[in-house]
């Protein structure tokens, strides 16, 4: 999913419980699936952010030469303005973009 072009809300919104649990008929299972996806999204965003910030890293042993890197600050501000991982996961869930399966329903051979 392209997080930069997502329709996920930035602010808190109230959602209809029936829309959330419609695919599984179980609100707890739906929330569990959404939370696992939010953890995956969070890991991806964190990895991407650390890679971009690592480009600006300076390895000095001197504490006196601390300075502000404007590009680094802009990258950080951009990621702060993105929708949160849980909002992205809920939007994916509502758009039926998350694949899930219940292993209890599968036949064991």
Protein backbone atom coordinates (compact mmCIF):
# COMPACT_ATOMS: atom_id res chain seq x y z
CA UNK A 1 0.00 0.00 0.00
CA UNK A 2 1.19 3.48 -0.81
CA UNK A 3 0.98 5.26 2.53
CA UNK A 4 1.60 8.65 0.99
CA UNK A 5 -1.57 8.50 -1.13
CA UNK A 6 -3.80 6.72 1.34
CA UNK A 7 -7.35 7.85 2.07
CA UNK A 8 -6.91 6.98 5.74
CA UNK A 9 -7.92 9.79 8.09
CA UNK A 10 -5.24 11.70 9.95
CA UNK A 11 -7.56 12.55 12.83
CA UNK A 12 -9.68 10.24 14.95
CA UNK A 13 -12.99 9.24 13.38
CA UNK A 14 -15.86 7.12 14.64
CA UNK A 15 -16.56 4.01 12.60
CA UNK A 16 -19.60 1.77 12.46
CA UNK A 17 -18.94 -1.46 14.36
CA UNK A 18 -21.01 -3.39 11.82
CA UNK A 19 -18.67 -2.32 9.01
CA UNK A 20 -15.65 -3.51 10.97
CA UNK A 21 -16.95 -6.97 11.89
CA UNK A 22 -18.90 -7.64 8.67
CA UNK A 23 -16.24 -9.84 6.97
CA UNK A 24 -15.63 -12.06 10.01
CA UNK A 25 -18.87 -11.70 11.99
CA UNK A 26 -16.66 -11.35 15.05
CA UNK A 27 -15.47 -7.94 16.22
CA UNK A 28 -12.59 -9.40 18.24
CA UNK A 29 -11.26 -11.39 15.31
CA UNK A 30 -11.53 -8.34 13.04
CA UNK A 31 -9.67 -6.15 15.52
CA UNK A 32 -6.99 -8.81 15.93
CA UNK A 33 -6.45 -8.94 12.16
CA UNK A 34 -6.36 -5.14 11.93
CA UNK A 35 -3.87 -4.87 14.80
CA UNK A 36 -1.52 -7.40 13.20
CA UNK A 37 -1.65 -5.46 9.94
CA UNK A 38 -1.02 -2.18 11.82
CA UNK A 39 2.10 -3.75 13.36
CA UNK A 40 3.33 -4.71 9.87
CA UNK A 41 2.68 -1.21 8.54
CA UNK A 42 4.43 0.33 11.55
CA UNK A 43 7.49 -1.85 10.94
CA UNK A 44 7.59 -0.87 7.27
CA UNK A 45 7.28 2.84 8.03
CA UNK A 46 9.94 2.66 10.75
CA UNK A 47 12.35 0.82 8.45
CA UNK A 48 11.80 3.34 5.65
CA UNK A 49 12.23 6.31 7.99
CA UNK A 50 15.43 4.94 9.51
CA UNK A 51 16.87 4.33 6.04
CA UNK A 52 16.15 7.91 5.01
CA UNK A 53 17.49 9.39 8.24
CA UNK A 54 20.61 7.26 7.96
CA UNK A 55 21.49 9.13 4.78
CA UNK A 56 21.88 12.30 6.84
CA UNK A 57 23.79 10.71 9.71
CA UNK A 58 27.13 12.18 10.63
CA UNK A 59 29.52 10.17 12.71
CA UNK A 60 31.40 12.66 14.84
CA UNK A 61 32.87 11.95 18.24
CA UNK A 62 32.69 15.60 19.18
CA UNK A 63 29.61 16.68 21.10
CA UNK A 64 30.37 20.31 20.36
CA UNK A 65 29.62 19.97 16.66
CA UNK A 66 25.92 19.28 16.95
CA UNK A 67 23.99 21.10 14.27
CA UNK A 68 20.54 20.99 12.74
CA UNK A 69 20.17 19.27 9.43
CA UNK A 70 17.22 20.88 7.67
CA UNK A 71 16.67 17.96 5.28
CA UNK A 72 16.54 15.55 8.21
CA UNK A 73 13.98 17.74 9.97
CA UNK A 74 11.82 17.91 6.83
CA UNK A 75 11.86 14.12 6.46
CA UNK A 76 10.85 13.73 10.10
CA UNK A 77 8.03 16.25 9.76
CA UNK A 78 6.75 14.49 6.63
CA UNK A 79 6.48 11.17 8.47
CA UNK A 80 4.81 12.85 11.44
CA UNK A 81 2.05 14.17 9.16
CA UNK A 82 1.24 10.75 7.69
CA UNK A 83 -1.79 8.81 8.94
CA UNK A 84 -1.00 6.50 11.84
CA UNK A 85 -0.49 2.77 11.17
CA UNK A 86 -3.74 1.79 12.86
CA UNK A 87 -5.69 4.22 10.65
CA UNK A 88 -3.99 2.81 7.55
CA UNK A 89 -4.81 -0.75 8.65
CA UNK A 90 -8.46 0.08 9.30
CA UNK A 91 -8.73 1.75 5.89
CA UNK A 92 -7.22 -1.33 4.23
CA UNK A 93 -9.69 -3.52 6.14
CA UNK A 94 -12.66 -1.43 5.05
CA UNK A 95 -11.42 -1.50 1.43
CA UNK A 96 -11.06 -5.34 1.59
CA UNK A 97 -7.32 -5.15 0.88
CA UNK A 98 -6.29 -7.42 3.76
CA UNK A 99 -6.13 -11.15 3.11
CA UNK A 100 -6.91 -13.32 6.11
CA UNK A 101 -7.89 -16.90 6.76
CA UNK A 102 -9.07 -18.87 9.72
CA UNK A 103 -6.86 -21.90 10.26
CA UNK A 104 -9.49 -23.58 12.43
CA UNK A 105 -11.67 -23.99 9.35
CA UNK A 106 -8.96 -25.83 7.39
CA UNK A 107 -8.88 -29.62 7.23
CA UNK A 108 -5.77 -31.20 8.72
CA UNK A 109 -4.45 -34.14 6.70
